[in-house]
Amino acid sequence: MIFKSAKINAFRTWGLLLTMLGMGLMILGTAGIVFWGHAGKVVAAVGLVIGLISMMASLAIYFWAGMLSTSAVQVDCPECHKLTKMLGKTDRCMFCHTILTMDPEQANITAEQLESQQLKS
């Protein structure tokens, strides 16, 4: 089985990756001035603009994850007994990654069966 995390944590991970990508592009773009002098200003401008766009996308993803988090259902995980948030009918525990469900029809199936059902639909 492929290692998966809770949906909210996955959104936050993408936001973090975009933040790091944006900061890296801004730093590398600015380093273009150091390496190429006056000609590096074009590289710096492109790097700063693309980095800014990436940072704004990260901000939007973090805002979206925060809004989803406020409306998520809180449940007690049956494995680790911690309070976790759940999006949709099935999700994973944020701490121990146990598959959780609110649907009684899917409550007694294995993880592999659940993943195959989700891939089909």
N, C-alpha and C. Protein backbone atom coordinates (compact mmCIF):
# COMPACT_ATOMS: atom_id res chain seq x y z
N MET A 1 0.85 -1.17 0.00
CA MET A 1 0.00 0.00 0.00
C MET A 1 0.89 1.24 0.00
N ILE A 2 0.53 2.23 -0.79
CA ILE A 2 1.29 3.47 -0.89
C ILE A 2 1.02 4.32 0.35
N PHE A 3 2.08 4.90 0.90
CA PHE A 3 1.94 5.75 2.09
C PHE A 3 1.13 6.99 1.74
N LYS A 4 0.05 7.20 2.47
CA LYS A 4 -0.82 8.35 2.24
C LYS A 4 -1.04 9.09 3.54
N SER A 5 -1.48 10.33 3.43
CA SER A 5 -1.76 11.12 4.62
C SER A 5 -3.18 11.66 4.54
N ALA A 6 -3.58 12.37 5.58
CA ALA A 6 -4.91 12.98 5.61
C ALA A 6 -5.02 14.03 4.51
N LYS A 7 -6.23 14.27 4.06
CA LYS A 7 -6.44 15.21 2.95
C LYS A 7 -5.99 16.62 3.29
N ILE A 8 -6.29 17.09 4.49
CA ILE A 8 -5.89 18.44 4.88
C ILE A 8 -4.37 18.55 4.92
N ASN A 9 -3.70 17.51 5.42
CA ASN A 9 -2.23 17.53 5.45
C ASN A 9 -1.65 17.50 4.05
N ALA A 10 -2.30 16.84 3.11
CA ALA A 10 -1.82 16.82 1.73
C ALA A 10 -1.91 18.21 1.11
N PHE A 11 -3.00 18.94 1.38
CA PHE A 11 -3.12 20.31 0.88
C PHE A 11 -2.02 21.19 1.47
N ARG A 12 -1.77 21.03 2.76
CA ARG A 12 -0.73 21.84 3.41
C ARG A 12 0.65 21.51 2.86
N THR A 13 0.88 20.24 2.52
CA THR A 13 2.16 19.85 1.93
C THR A 13 2.37 20.52 0.59
N TRP A 14 1.34 20.57 -0.25
CA TRP A 14 1.46 21.26 -1.54
C TRP A 14 1.70 22.75 -1.36
N GLY A 15 1.06 23.34 -0.36
CA GLY A 15 1.31 24.75 -0.06
C GLY A 15 2.75 24.99 0.35
N LEU A 16 3.29 24.10 1.18
CA LEU A 16 4.68 24.23 1.61
C LEU A 16 5.64 24.06 0.43
N LEU A 17 5.36 23.10 -0.45
CA LEU A 17 6.22 22.91 -1.62
C LEU A 17 6.22 24.13 -2.53
N LEU A 18 5.05 24.74 -2.72
CA LEU A 18 4.99 25.95 -3.54
C LEU A 18 5.73 27.12 -2.88
N THR A 19 5.66 27.20 -1.57
CA THR A 19 6.40 28.25 -0.86
C THR A 19 7.90 28.08 -1.06
N MET A 20 8.38 26.86 -0.88
CA MET A 20 9.81 26.60 -1.05
C MET A 20 10.25 26.83 -2.50
N LEU A 21 9.42 26.42 -3.45
CA LEU A 21 9.74 26.64 -4.86
C LEU A 21 9.81 28.14 -5.17
N GLY A 22 8.85 28.89 -4.68
CA GLY A 22 8.83 30.33 -4.91
C GLY A 22 10.03 31.03 -4.30
N MET A 23 10.37 30.66 -3.07
CA MET A 23 11.54 31.28 -2.44
C MET A 23 12.82 30.90 -3.17
N GLY A 24 12.92 29.66 -3.58
CA GLY A 24 14.10 29.22 -4.33
C GLY A 24 14.25 29.95 -5.65
N LEU A 25 13.14 30.13 -6.37
CA LEU A 25 13.21 30.86 -7.64
C LEU A 25 13.61 32.32 -7.42
N MET A 26 13.09 32.92 -6.36
CA MET A 26 13.46 34.31 -6.09
C MET A 26 14.95 34.44 -5.75
N ILE A 27 15.46 33.52 -4.97
CA ILE A 27 16.88 33.57 -4.59
C ILE A 27 17.76 33.30 -5.81
N LEU A 28 17.41 32.27 -6.60
CA LEU A 28 18.21 31.98 -7.80
C LEU A 28 18.14 33.11 -8.82
N GLY A 29 16.96 33.71 -8.95
CA GLY A 29 16.83 34.84 -9.87
C GLY A 29 17.70 36.01 -9.45
N THR A 30 17.69 36.29 -8.15
CA THR A 30 18.51 37.39 -7.65
C THR A 30 20.00 37.06 -7.78
N ALA A 31 20.35 35.80 -7.66
CA ALA A 31 21.74 35.38 -7.84
C ALA A 31 22.20 35.60 -9.28
N GLY A 32 21.27 35.68 -10.22
CA GLY A 32 21.63 35.95 -11.61
C GLY A 32 22.34 37.28 -11.76
N ILE A 33 22.00 38.25 -10.94
CA ILE A 33 22.67 39.55 -10.99
C ILE A 33 24.14 39.39 -10.58
N VAL A 34 24.38 38.57 -9.56
CA VAL A 34 25.74 38.36 -9.09
C VAL A 34 26.58 37.66 -10.17
N PHE A 35 26.02 36.66 -10.83
CA PHE A 35 26.78 35.87 -11.80
C PHE A 35 26.94 36.56 -13.16
N TRP A 36 25.90 37.24 -13.62
CA TRP A 36 25.92 37.80 -14.98
C TRP A 36 25.89 39.33 -15.02
N GLY A 37 25.91 39.96 -13.90
CA GLY A 37 25.95 41.42 -13.86
C GLY A 37 24.69 42.06 -14.42
N HIS A 38 24.87 43.02 -15.33
CA HIS A 38 23.74 43.76 -15.88
C HIS A 38 22.79 42.85 -16.66
N ALA A 39 23.30 41.86 -17.38
CA ALA A 39 22.45 40.94 -18.14
C ALA A 39 21.63 40.04 -17.20
N GLY A 40 22.07 39.88 -15.98
CA GLY A 40 21.35 39.04 -15.02
C GLY A 40 20.09 39.68 -14.48
N LYS A 41 19.88 40.96 -14.76
CA LYS A 41 18.67 41.63 -14.28
C LYS A 41 17.41 41.03 -14.91
N VAL A 42 17.51 40.58 -16.14
CA VAL A 42 16.37 39.92 -16.79
C VAL A 42 16.07 38.60 -16.09
N VAL A 43 17.12 37.84 -15.79
CA VAL A 43 16.94 36.57 -15.06
C VAL A 43 16.34 36.85 -13.68
N ALA A 44 16.81 37.90 -13.03
CA ALA A 44 16.29 38.26 -11.71
C ALA A 44 14.81 38.64 -11.80
N ALA A 45 14.44 39.41 -12.80
CA ALA A 45 13.05 39.83 -12.95
C ALA A 45 12.14 38.63 -13.18
N VAL A 46 12.56 37.73 -14.06
CA VAL A 46 11.75 36.54 -14.35
C VAL A 46 11.63 35.67 -13.11
N GLY A 47 12.76 35.46 -12.42
CA GLY A 47 12.73 34.64 -11.21
C GLY A 47 11.86 35.23 -10.12
N LEU A 48 11.93 36.54 -9.96
CA LEU A 48 11.12 37.18 -8.93
C LEU A 48 9.63 37.13 -9.26
N VAL A 49 9.28 37.31 -10.52
CA VAL A 49 7.85 37.27 -10.90
C VAL A 49 7.29 35.86 -10.76
N ILE A 50 8.02 34.86 -11.27
CA ILE A 50 7.52 33.48 -11.16
C ILE A 50 7.49 33.04 -9.70
N GLY A 51 8.49 33.45 -8.92
CA GLY A 51 8.50 33.15 -7.49
C GLY A 51 7.34 33.79 -6.76
N LEU A 52 7.01 35.01 -7.13
CA LEU A 52 5.87 35.70 -6.51
C LEU A 52 4.56 34.98 -6.84
N ILE A 53 4.43 34.55 -8.08
CA ILE A 53 3.22 33.81 -8.47
C ILE A 53 3.12 32.52 -7.67
N SER A 54 4.23 31.81 -7.51
CA SER A 54 4.25 30.58 -6.72
C SER A 54 3.89 30.84 -5.27
N MET A 55 4.39 31.93 -4.71
CA MET A 55 4.08 32.27 -3.32
C MET A 55 2.59 32.63 -3.16
N MET A 56 2.03 33.31 -4.15
CA MET A 56 0.60 33.66 -4.09
C MET A 56 -0.26 32.39 -4.21
N ALA A 57 0.16 31.46 -5.05
CA ALA A 57 -0.56 30.19 -5.15
C ALA A 57 -0.49 29.43 -3.83
N SER A 58 0.66 29.48 -3.18
CA SER A 58 0.82 28.85 -1.87
C SER A 58 -0.12 29.48 -0.84
N LEU A 59 -0.21 30.80 -0.86
CA LEU A 59 -1.10 31.51 0.04
C LEU A 59 -2.55 31.08 -0.18
N ALA A 60 -2.94 30.94 -1.45
CA ALA A 60 -4.31 30.51 -1.76
C ALA A 60 -4.58 29.09 -1.27
N ILE A 61 -3.60 28.21 -1.43
CA ILE A 61 -3.78 26.82 -0.98
C ILE A 61 -3.87 26.76 0.54
N TYR A 62 -3.01 27.50 1.24
CA TYR A 62 -3.09 27.53 2.70
C TYR A 62 -4.43 28.11 3.18
N PHE A 63 -4.92 29.15 2.51
CA PHE A 63 -6.22 29.72 2.87
C PHE A 63 -7.33 28.70 2.65
N TRP A 64 -7.28 28.01 1.50
CA TRP A 64 -8.29 26.99 1.19
C TRP A 64 -8.26 25.86 2.21
N ALA A 65 -7.07 25.38 2.57
CA ALA A 65 -6.95 24.31 3.56
C ALA A 65 -7.47 24.78 4.92
N GLY A 66 -7.23 26.03 5.26
CA GLY A 66 -7.75 26.56 6.51
C GLY A 66 -9.26 26.62 6.53
N MET A 67 -9.86 27.02 5.42
CA MET A 67 -11.32 27.07 5.35
C MET A 67 -11.91 25.66 5.40
N LEU A 68 -11.26 24.71 4.73
CA LEU A 68 -11.73 23.32 4.81
C LEU A 68 -11.60 22.78 6.23
N SER A 69 -10.54 23.17 6.90
CA SER A 69 -10.29 22.68 8.25
C SER A 69 -11.34 23.16 9.24
N THR A 70 -11.87 24.37 9.02
CA THR A 70 -12.87 24.89 9.96
C THR A 70 -14.21 24.17 9.83
N SER A 71 -14.48 23.62 8.64
CA SER A 71 -15.76 22.92 8.45
C SER A 71 -15.63 21.41 8.48
N ALA A 72 -14.46 20.89 8.77
CA ALA A 72 -14.24 19.44 8.79
C ALA A 72 -14.86 18.83 10.04
N VAL A 73 -15.30 17.59 9.90
CA VAL A 73 -15.88 16.84 11.01
C VAL A 73 -14.75 16.33 11.89
N GLN A 74 -14.88 16.51 13.20
CA GLN A 74 -13.87 16.00 14.12
C GLN A 74 -14.31 14.66 14.66
N VAL A 75 -13.42 13.67 14.57
CA VAL A 75 -13.72 12.32 15.06
C VAL A 75 -12.55 11.83 15.90
N ASP A 76 -12.84 10.87 16.78
CA ASP A 76 -11.79 10.20 17.54
C ASP A 76 -11.29 9.03 16.73
N CYS A 77 -9.99 8.93 16.55
CA CYS A 77 -9.40 7.83 15.82
C CYS A 77 -9.50 6.56 16.67
N PRO A 78 -9.99 5.45 16.09
CA PRO A 78 -10.10 4.23 16.89
C PRO A 78 -8.75 3.58 17.21
N GLU A 79 -7.70 3.92 16.47
CA GLU A 79 -6.38 3.32 16.70
C GLU A 79 -5.58 4.09 17.73
N CYS A 80 -5.37 5.40 17.49
CA CYS A 80 -4.50 6.19 18.38
C CYS A 80 -5.29 7.01 19.40
N HIS A 81 -6.62 7.03 19.29
CA HIS A 81 -7.52 7.71 20.22
C HIS A 81 -7.25 9.21 20.32
N LYS A 82 -6.80 9.82 19.20
CA LYS A 82 -6.61 11.25 19.15
C LYS A 82 -7.72 11.87 18.32
N LEU A 83 -8.03 13.12 18.60
CA LEU A 83 -9.05 13.84 17.85
C LEU A 83 -8.46 14.27 16.51
N THR A 84 -9.10 13.88 15.42
CA THR A 84 -8.61 14.21 14.08
C THR A 84 -9.75 14.77 13.25
N LYS A 85 -9.40 15.47 12.19
CA LYS A 85 -10.41 16.05 11.30
C LYS A 85 -10.56 15.20 10.07
N MET A 86 -11.79 15.13 9.56
CA MET A 86 -12.09 14.25 8.46
C MET A 86 -12.83 15.01 7.37
N LEU A 87 -12.37 14.91 6.13
CA LEU A 87 -13.03 15.51 4.98
C LEU A 87 -13.66 14.41 4.14
N GLY A 88 -14.88 14.58 3.73
CA GLY A 88 -15.54 13.61 2.86
C GLY A 88 -15.99 12.37 3.62
N LYS A 89 -16.34 11.32 2.85
CA LYS A 89 -16.80 10.08 3.46
C LYS A 89 -15.66 9.27 4.04
N THR A 90 -14.51 9.28 3.38
CA THR A 90 -13.35 8.55 3.89
C THR A 90 -12.16 9.49 3.93
N ASP A 91 -11.33 9.31 4.93
CA ASP A 91 -10.11 10.09 5.09
C ASP A 91 -9.17 9.27 5.94
N ARG A 92 -8.00 9.79 6.21
CA ARG A 92 -7.03 9.12 7.07
C ARG A 92 -6.80 9.95 8.32
N CYS A 93 -6.42 9.26 9.38
CA CYS A 93 -6.08 9.95 10.63
C CYS A 93 -4.83 10.80 10.38
N MET A 94 -4.81 12.01 10.93
CA MET A 94 -3.67 12.90 10.74
C MET A 94 -2.43 12.41 11.48
N PHE A 95 -2.61 11.51 12.44
CA PHE A 95 -1.49 11.09 13.28
C PHE A 95 -1.00 9.69 12.94
N CYS A 96 -1.90 8.71 12.86
CA CYS A 96 -1.47 7.32 12.63
C CYS A 96 -1.83 6.82 11.23
N HIS A 97 -2.50 7.62 10.41
CA HIS A 97 -2.85 7.34 9.02
C HIS A 97 -3.81 6.15 8.86
N THR A 98 -4.58 5.86 9.88
CA THR A 98 -5.62 4.83 9.78
C THR A 98 -6.74 5.35 8.91
N ILE A 99 -7.29 4.49 8.05
CA ILE A 99 -8.41 4.90 7.20
C ILE A 99 -9.66 5.02 8.06
N LEU A 100 -10.30 6.17 7.97
CA LEU A 100 -11.53 6.45 8.72
C LEU A 100 -12.67 6.63 7.73
N THR A 101 -13.88 6.28 8.14
CA THR A 101 -15.03 6.46 7.26
C THR A 101 -16.26 6.80 8.09
N MET A 102 -17.17 7.54 7.45
CA MET A 102 -18.47 7.83 8.05
C MET A 102 -19.56 7.00 7.37
N ASP A 103 -19.18 6.26 6.32
CA ASP A 103 -20.11 5.46 5.53
C ASP A 103 -20.16 4.04 6.09
N PRO A 104 -21.32 3.59 6.60
CA PRO A 104 -21.40 2.24 7.18
C PRO A 104 -21.14 1.13 6.16
N GLU A 105 -21.38 1.37 4.88
CA GLU A 105 -21.16 0.34 3.88
C GLU A 105 -19.67 0.07 3.66
N GLN A 106 -18.83 1.05 3.91
CA GLN A 106 -17.39 0.89 3.70
C GLN A 106 -16.63 0.61 4.99
N ALA A 107 -17.33 0.46 6.09
CA ALA A 107 -16.67 0.34 7.38
C ALA A 107 -15.93 -0.98 7.56
N ASN A 108 -16.32 -2.03 6.86
CA ASN A 108 -15.71 -3.34 7.09
C ASN A 108 -14.86 -3.83 5.93
N ILE A 109 -14.44 -2.96 5.03
CA ILE A 109 -13.60 -3.41 3.92
C ILE A 109 -12.14 -3.06 4.21
N THR A 110 -11.24 -3.72 3.50
CA THR A 110 -9.82 -3.49 3.73
C THR A 110 -9.36 -2.25 2.99
N ALA A 111 -8.14 -1.81 3.29
CA ALA A 111 -7.58 -0.61 2.66
C ALA A 111 -7.42 -0.81 1.16
N GLU A 112 -6.99 -2.01 0.75
CA GLU A 112 -6.80 -2.28 -0.68
C GLU A 112 -8.13 -2.23 -1.43
N GLN A 113 -9.19 -2.79 -0.84
CA GLN A 113 -10.51 -2.74 -1.47
C GLN A 113 -11.01 -1.31 -1.59
N LEU A 114 -10.79 -0.50 -0.56
CA LEU A 114 -11.22 0.89 -0.58
C LEU A 114 -10.48 1.67 -1.66
N GLU A 115 -9.16 1.48 -1.78
CA GLU A 115 -8.39 2.18 -2.80
C GLU A 115 -8.81 1.76 -4.20
N SER A 116 -9.11 0.47 -4.39
CA SER A 116 -9.55 0.01 -5.72
C SER A 116 -10.92 0.59 -6.07
N GLN A 117 -11.80 0.74 -5.08
CA GLN A 117 -13.11 1.36 -5.32
C GLN A 117 -12.95 2.84 -5.68
N GLN A 118 -12.04 3.53 -5.00
CA GLN A 118 -11.84 4.95 -5.28
C GLN A 118 -11.19 5.16 -6.63
N LEU A 119 -10.35 4.26 -7.07
CA LEU A 119 -9.73 4.38 -8.39
C LEU A 119 -10.74 4.14 -9.51
N LYS A 120 -11.71 3.26 -9.27
CA LYS A 120 -12.74 2.96 -10.27
C LYS A 120 -13.70 4.12 -10.46
N SER A 121 -13.99 4.83 -9.37
CA SER A 121 -14.97 5.92 -9.47
C SER A 121 -14.33 7.24 -9.74
